[in-house]
């Protein structure tokens, strides 16, 4: 959806008429924006809502665990982790609070990790974790549902109980973020908004 916005800017001098804007707005705000809202409004400063160090640690952990889950030796798993952490988008997340690419990568990798664990050792715990991770993937941003579809499509057939757990948890986590008017964000704004913003 980025290219249509560039084309619209060249054509009209504004991205507002672009169809992509209306599509993105359907899934905005995502879970990251709402989390930043929940921290920023009470603290009265977006820059105090520091997500980047948390995201950095989670991305490191999920990359290492994913590599180990697929049989990679520890030194190579550490090298893979270091390689991922040096991606420019990771450094950019320290200066751009609104960036959703890193949380999307974390949630998608966690989805693959927990589904792989579920396939190796079936049970309700990995199914619950997989559902939470897939729900987080769908909740992060507009394109999250695409990643959910890809992750699920590449998995082998699952038994009914784990598939049901995954489906129920996935929908429970992602539904508020996919609603036209995000009820979570609305409640955060009602709870934390200052009635006297100039004071």
C-alpha atoms as a PDB file:
ATOM      1  CA  UNK A   1       0.000   0.000   0.000  1.00  0.00           C
ATOM      2  CA  UNK A   2       2.992   2.383   0.077  1.00  0.00           C
ATOM      3  CA  UNK A   3       3.355   2.814  -3.693  1.00  0.00           C
ATOM      4  CA  UNK A   4      -0.231   3.991  -4.295  1.00  0.00           C
ATOM      5  CA  UNK A   5       0.312   6.682  -1.673  1.00  0.00           C
ATOM      6  CA  UNK A   6       3.515   7.853  -3.399  1.00  0.00           C
ATOM      7  CA  UNK A   7       1.655   7.927  -6.728  1.00  0.00           C
ATOM      8  CA  UNK A   8      -1.179   9.932  -5.162  1.00  0.00           C
ATOM      9  CA  UNK A   9       1.317  12.411  -3.682  1.00  0.00           C
ATOM     10  CA  UNK A  10       2.931  12.913  -7.122  1.00  0.00           C
ATOM     11  CA  UNK A  11      -0.491  13.283  -8.791  1.00  0.00           C
ATOM     12  CA  UNK A  12      -2.270  15.553  -6.319  1.00  0.00           C
ATOM     13  CA  UNK A  13       0.246  16.773  -3.749  1.00  0.00           C
ATOM     14  CA  UNK A  14      -1.508  14.902  -0.939  1.00  0.00           C
ATOM     15  CA  UNK A  15      -1.845  11.281   0.183  1.00  0.00           C
ATOM     16  CA  UNK A  16      -5.297  11.821   1.666  1.00  0.00           C
ATOM     17  CA  UNK A  17      -7.298  10.855  -1.476  1.00  0.00           C
ATOM     18  CA  UNK A  18      -5.408   7.536  -1.765  1.00  0.00           C
ATOM     19  CA  UNK A  19      -7.617   4.460  -1.324  1.00  0.00           C
ATOM     20  CA  UNK A  20      -4.885   2.921   0.841  1.00  0.00           C
ATOM     21  CA  UNK A  21      -5.515   5.517   3.555  1.00  0.00           C
ATOM     22  CA  UNK A  22      -9.095   4.366   4.038  1.00  0.00           C
ATOM     23  CA  UNK A  23      -7.962   0.723   4.123  1.00  0.00           C
ATOM     24  CA  UNK A  24      -5.282   1.399   6.724  1.00  0.00           C
ATOM     25  CA  UNK A  25      -7.686   3.473   8.811  1.00  0.00           C
ATOM     26  CA  UNK A  26      -9.962   0.441   9.191  1.00  0.00           C
ATOM     27  CA  UNK A  27      -7.303  -1.282  11.291  1.00  0.00           C
ATOM     28  CA  UNK A  28      -5.947   1.791  13.080  1.00  0.00           C
ATOM     29  CA  UNK A  29      -4.976   2.045  15.831  1.00  0.00           C
ATOM     30  CA  UNK A  30      -3.251  -1.295  16.189  1.00  0.00           C
ATOM     31  CA  UNK A  31      -2.151  -2.851  19.447  1.00  0.00           C
ATOM     32  CA  UNK A  32       1.194  -1.027  19.450  1.00  0.00           C
ATOM     33  CA  UNK A  33      -0.429   2.382  19.010  1.00  0.00           C
ATOM     34  CA  UNK A  34      -2.862   1.621  21.824  1.00  0.00           C
ATOM     35  CA  UNK A  35      -0.046   0.454  24.088  1.00  0.00           C
ATOM     36  CA  UNK A  36       1.848   3.689  23.425  1.00  0.00           C
ATOM     37  CA  UNK A  37      -1.388   5.622  24.096  1.00  0.00           C
ATOM     38  CA  UNK A  38      -1.886   3.834  27.407  1.00  0.00           C
ATOM     39  CA  UNK A  39       1.603   4.853  28.533  1.00  0.00           C
ATOM     40  CA  UNK A  40       1.876   8.268  26.889  1.00  0.00           C
ATOM     41  CA  UNK A  41      -1.305   9.915  28.145  1.00  0.00           C
ATOM     42  CA  UNK A  42      -0.727   9.280  31.877  1.00  0.00           C
ATOM     43  CA  UNK A  43       2.986  10.107  31.534  1.00  0.00           C
ATOM     44  CA  UNK A  44       2.136  13.142  29.346  1.00  0.00           C
ATOM     45  CA  UNK A  45       5.059  12.346  27.079  1.00  0.00           C
ATOM     46  CA  UNK A  46       5.267   9.851  24.238  1.00  0.00           C
ATOM     47  CA  UNK A  47       9.047   9.645  24.642  1.00  0.00           C
ATOM     48  CA  UNK A  48       8.667   8.118  28.097  1.00  0.00           C
ATOM     49  CA  UNK A  49       6.712   5.210  26.596  1.00  0.00           C
ATOM     50  CA  UNK A  50       9.893   3.404  25.660  1.00  0.00           C
ATOM     51  CA  UNK A  51       8.968   0.231  23.787  1.00  0.00           C
ATOM     52  CA  UNK A  52      12.173  -0.155  21.758  1.00  0.00           C
ATOM     53  CA  UNK A  53      14.308  -1.811  24.494  1.00  0.00           C
ATOM     54  CA  UNK A  54      11.485  -4.285  25.207  1.00  0.00           C
ATOM     55  CA  UNK A  55      11.032  -5.007  21.492  1.00  0.00           C
ATOM     56  CA  UNK A  56      14.808  -5.413  21.081  1.00  0.00           C
ATOM     57  CA  UNK A  57      14.931  -8.028  23.849  1.00  0.00           C
ATOM     58  CA  UNK A  58      11.858  -9.885  22.583  1.00  0.00           C
ATOM     59  CA  UNK A  59      13.168  -9.973  19.007  1.00  0.00           C
ATOM     60  CA  UNK A  60      16.506 -11.310  20.252  1.00  0.00           C
ATOM     61  CA  UNK A  61      14.819 -14.019  22.325  1.00  0.00           C
ATOM     62  CA  UNK A  62      12.331 -15.141  19.688  1.00  0.00           C
ATOM     63  CA  UNK A  63      14.994 -15.247  16.948  1.00  0.00           C
ATOM     64  CA  UNK A  64      17.341 -17.328  19.092  1.00  0.00           C
ATOM     65  CA  UNK A  65      14.560 -19.706  20.224  1.00  0.00           C
ATOM     66  CA  UNK A  66      13.244 -20.114  16.688  1.00  0.00           C
ATOM     67  CA  UNK A  67      16.697 -21.017  15.383  1.00  0.00           C
ATOM     68  CA  UNK A  68      17.191 -23.519  18.214  1.00  0.00           C
ATOM     69  CA  UNK A  69      13.713 -25.011  17.662  1.00  0.00           C
ATOM     70  CA  UNK A  70      14.699 -25.934  14.117  1.00  0.00           C
ATOM     71  CA  UNK A  71      17.908 -27.666  15.237  1.00  0.00           C
ATOM     72  CA  UNK A  72      20.468 -24.910  14.808  1.00  0.00           C
ATOM     73  CA  UNK A  73      23.503 -25.120  17.082  1.00  0.00           C
ATOM     74  CA  UNK A  74      23.878 -22.437  19.741  1.00  0.00           C
ATOM     75  CA  UNK A  75      26.735 -20.445  18.071  1.00  0.00           C
ATOM     76  CA  UNK A  76      24.831 -20.272  14.779  1.00  0.00           C
ATOM     77  CA  UNK A  77      21.600 -19.347  16.596  1.00  0.00           C
ATOM     78  CA  UNK A  78      23.474 -16.500  18.329  1.00  0.00           C
ATOM     79  CA  UNK A  79      24.859 -15.377  14.968  1.00  0.00           C
ATOM     80  CA  UNK A  80      21.329 -15.395  13.466  1.00  0.00           C
ATOM     81  CA  UNK A  81      20.094 -13.367  16.420  1.00  0.00           C
ATOM     82  CA  UNK A  82      22.900 -10.819  16.009  1.00  0.00           C
ATOM     83  CA  UNK A  83      22.214 -10.576  12.277  1.00  0.00           C
ATOM     84  CA  UNK A  84      18.504  -9.865  12.811  1.00  0.00           C
ATOM     85  CA  UNK A  85      19.212  -7.272  15.512  1.00  0.00           C
ATOM     86  CA  UNK A  86      21.461  -5.284  13.149  1.00  0.00           C
ATOM     87  CA  UNK A  87      18.628  -4.733  10.625  1.00  0.00           C
ATOM     88  CA  UNK A  88      18.052  -0.990  10.079  1.00  0.00           C
ATOM     89  CA  UNK A  89      14.365  -1.287  10.999  1.00  0.00           C
ATOM     90  CA  UNK A  90      15.369  -2.446  14.500  1.00  0.00           C
ATOM     91  CA  UNK A  91      17.598   0.598  15.037  1.00  0.00           C
ATOM     92  CA  UNK A  92      14.855   2.802  13.589  1.00  0.00           C
ATOM     93  CA  UNK A  93      12.383   1.560  16.204  1.00  0.00           C
ATOM     94  CA  UNK A  94      14.439   3.393  18.862  1.00  0.00           C
ATOM     95  CA  UNK A  95      13.608   6.744  17.241  1.00  0.00           C
ATOM     96  CA  UNK A  96      10.172   5.969  15.773  1.00  0.00           C
ATOM     97  CA  UNK A  97       7.621   5.048  18.432  1.00  0.00           C
ATOM     98  CA  UNK A  98       4.977   4.423  15.786  1.00  0.00           C
ATOM     99  CA  UNK A  99       6.923   1.764  13.918  1.00  0.00           C
ATOM    100  CA  UNK A 100       5.003  -1.504  13.767  1.00  0.00           C
ATOM    101  CA  UNK A 101       7.408  -3.633  11.724  1.00  0.00           C
ATOM    102  CA  UNK A 102       9.409  -4.894  14.705  1.00  0.00           C
ATOM    103  CA  UNK A 103       6.378  -5.961  16.791  1.00  0.00           C
ATOM    104  CA  UNK A 104       4.950  -7.625  13.681  1.00  0.00           C
ATOM    105  CA  UNK A 105       8.221  -9.549  13.204  1.00  0.00           C
ATOM    106  CA  UNK A 106       8.224 -10.581  16.879  1.00  0.00           C
ATOM    107  CA  UNK A 107       4.623 -11.805  16.801  1.00  0.00           C
ATOM    108  CA  UNK A 108       5.039 -13.629  13.472  1.00  0.00           C
ATOM    109  CA  UNK A 109       8.238 -15.389  14.587  1.00  0.00           C
ATOM    110  CA  UNK A 110       6.595 -16.312  17.891  1.00  0.00           C
ATOM    111  CA  UNK A 111       3.644 -17.763  15.949  1.00  0.00           C
ATOM    112  CA  UNK A 112       5.970 -19.978  13.908  1.00  0.00           C
ATOM    113  CA  UNK A 113       7.888 -20.972  17.047  1.00  0.00           C
ATOM    114  CA  UNK A 114       4.804 -22.012  19.049  1.00  0.00           C
ATOM    115  CA  UNK A 115       3.198 -23.806  16.107  1.00  0.00           C
ATOM    116  CA  UNK A 116       6.440 -25.746  15.597  1.00  0.00           C
ATOM    117  CA  UNK A 117       6.406 -26.659  19.291  1.00  0.00           C
ATOM    118  CA  UNK A 118       2.772 -27.739  18.946  1.00  0.00           C
ATOM    119  CA  UNK A 119       3.585 -30.016  16.018  1.00  0.00           C
ATOM    120  CA  UNK A 120       6.518 -31.607  17.875  1.00  0.00           C
ATOM    121  CA  UNK A 121       4.652 -32.043  21.143  1.00  0.00           C
ATOM    122  CA  UNK A 122       0.862 -31.575  20.873  1.00  0.00           C
ATOM    123  CA  UNK A 123      -0.935 -30.086  23.864  1.00  0.00           C
ATOM    124  CA  UNK A 124      -3.116 -27.219  24.972  1.00  0.00           C
ATOM    125  CA  UNK A 125      -0.229 -25.038  26.244  1.00  0.00           C
ATOM    126  CA  UNK A 126       1.583 -24.617  22.900  1.00  0.00           C
ATOM    127  CA  UNK A 127      -1.827 -24.241  21.224  1.00  0.00           C
ATOM    128  CA  UNK A 128      -2.693 -21.412  23.634  1.00  0.00           C
ATOM    129  CA  UNK A 129       0.686 -19.732  23.049  1.00  0.00           C
ATOM    130  CA  UNK A 130       0.288 -20.100  19.278  1.00  0.00           C
ATOM    131  CA  UNK A 131      -3.179 -18.552  19.465  1.00  0.00           C
ATOM    132  CA  UNK A 132      -1.857 -15.625  21.521  1.00  0.00           C
ATOM    133  CA  UNK A 133       1.029 -15.051  19.092  1.00  0.00           C
ATOM    134  CA  UNK A 134      -1.226 -15.267  16.024  1.00  0.00           C
ATOM    135  CA  UNK A 135      -3.712 -12.911  17.688  1.00  0.00           C
ATOM    136  CA  UNK A 136      -0.886 -10.468  18.380  1.00  0.00           C
ATOM    137  CA  UNK A 137       0.227 -10.741  14.739  1.00  0.00           C
ATOM    138  CA  UNK A 138      -3.272  -9.847  13.509  1.00  0.00           C
ATOM    139  CA  UNK A 139      -3.614  -7.012  16.042  1.00  0.00           C
ATOM    140  CA  UNK A 140      -0.355  -5.186  15.272  1.00  0.00           C
ATOM    141  CA  UNK A 141      -1.123  -3.685  11.874  1.00  0.00           C
ATOM    142  CA  UNK A 142      -3.227  -3.739   8.730  1.00  0.00           C
ATOM    143  CA  UNK A 143      -1.131  -6.411   7.004  1.00  0.00           C
ATOM    144  CA  UNK A 144      -0.932  -8.671  10.075  1.00  0.00           C
ATOM    145  CA  UNK A 145      -3.790 -10.863   8.853  1.00  0.00           C
ATOM    146  CA  UNK A 146      -1.765 -11.714   5.744  1.00  0.00           C
ATOM    147  CA  UNK A 147       1.028 -13.094   7.930  1.00  0.00           C
ATOM    148  CA  UNK A 148      -1.468 -15.054  10.010  1.00  0.00           C
ATOM    149  CA  UNK A 149      -2.795 -16.645   6.822  1.00  0.00           C
ATOM    150  CA  UNK A 150       0.693 -17.548   5.605  1.00  0.00           C
ATOM    151  CA  UNK A 151       1.787 -19.021   8.958  1.00  0.00           C
ATOM    152  CA  UNK A 152      -1.353 -21.137   9.254  1.00  0.00           C
ATOM    153  CA  UNK A 153      -1.246 -22.225   5.590  1.00  0.00           C
ATOM    154  CA  UNK A 154       2.239 -23.712   5.867  1.00  0.00           C
ATOM    155  CA  UNK A 155       1.396 -25.810   8.925  1.00  0.00           C
ATOM    156  CA  UNK A 156       0.514 -29.487   8.707  1.00  0.00           C
ATOM    157  CA  UNK A 157      -2.965 -30.715   9.588  1.00  0.00           C
ATOM    158  CA  UNK A 158      -3.747 -30.217  13.254  1.00  0.00           C
ATOM    159  CA  UNK A 159      -6.045 -32.112  15.571  1.00  0.00           C
ATOM    160  CA  UNK A 160      -9.378 -30.514  16.376  1.00  0.00           C
ATOM    161  CA  UNK A 161      -8.660 -29.432  19.974  1.00  0.00           C
ATOM    162  CA  UNK A 162      -5.421 -27.482  19.306  1.00  0.00           C
ATOM    163  CA  UNK A 163      -6.945 -25.937  16.181  1.00  0.00           C
ATOM    164  CA  UNK A 164     -10.015 -24.853  18.156  1.00  0.00           C
ATOM    165  CA  UNK A 165      -7.896 -23.363  20.960  1.00  0.00           C
ATOM    166  CA  UNK A 166      -5.791 -21.468  18.412  1.00  0.00           C
ATOM    167  CA  UNK A 167      -8.862 -20.184  16.576  1.00  0.00           C
ATOM    168  CA  UNK A 168     -10.711 -19.026  19.709  1.00  0.00           C
ATOM    169  CA  UNK A 169      -7.665 -17.292  21.239  1.00  0.00           C
ATOM    170  CA  UNK A 170      -6.686 -15.759  17.887  1.00  0.00           C
ATOM    171  CA  UNK A 171     -10.119 -14.209  17.462  1.00  0.00           C
ATOM    172  CA  UNK A 172     -10.364 -13.098  21.105  1.00  0.00           C
ATOM    173  CA  UNK A 173      -7.030 -11.265  20.903  1.00  0.00           C
ATOM    174  CA  UNK A 174      -7.391  -9.770  17.432  1.00  0.00           C
ATOM    175  CA  UNK A 175     -11.118  -8.929  17.278  1.00  0.00           C
ATOM    176  CA  UNK A 176     -10.955  -5.540  19.070  1.00  0.00           C
ATOM    177  CA  UNK A 177      -8.150  -4.385  16.779  1.00  0.00           C
ATOM    178  CA  UNK A 178     -10.005  -5.426  13.642  1.00  0.00           C
ATOM    179  CA  UNK A 179     -13.253  -3.691  14.659  1.00  0.00           C
ATOM    180  CA  UNK A 180     -14.055  -0.466  12.740  1.00  0.00           C
ATOM    181  CA  UNK A 181     -13.929   1.602  15.963  1.00  0.00           C
ATOM    182  CA  UNK A 182     -11.409  -0.057  18.238  1.00  0.00           C
ATOM    183  CA  UNK A 183     -13.172  -0.394  21.631  1.00  0.00           C
ATOM    184  CA  UNK A 184      -9.864  -0.781  23.497  1.00  0.00           C
ATOM    185  CA  UNK A 185      -8.490   2.497  22.155  1.00  0.00           C
ATOM    186  CA  UNK A 186     -11.772   4.295  22.823  1.00  0.00           C
ATOM    187  CA  UNK A 187     -11.796   3.128  26.448  1.00  0.00           C
ATOM    188  CA  UNK A 188      -8.150   4.176  26.893  1.00  0.00           C
ATOM    189  CA  UNK A 189      -8.913   7.620  25.556  1.00  0.00           C
ATOM    190  CA  UNK A 190     -11.959   7.987  27.815  1.00  0.00           C
ATOM    191  CA  UNK A 191     -10.019   6.846  30.868  1.00  0.00           C
ATOM    192  CA  UNK A 192      -6.802   8.787  30.394  1.00  0.00           C
ATOM    193  CA  UNK A 193      -7.749  11.898  28.416  1.00  0.00           C
ATOM    194  CA  UNK A 194      -7.239  15.117  30.316  1.00  0.00           C
ATOM    195  CA  UNK A 195     -10.436  17.212  30.376  1.00  0.00           C
ATOM    196  CA  UNK A 196      -8.237  20.310  30.762  1.00  0.00           C
ATOM    197  CA  UNK A 197      -5.399  19.714  28.272  1.00  0.00           C
ATOM    198  CA  UNK A 198      -4.033  23.274  28.593  1.00  0.00           C
ATOM    199  CA  UNK A 199      -3.431  23.004  32.360  1.00  0.00           C
END
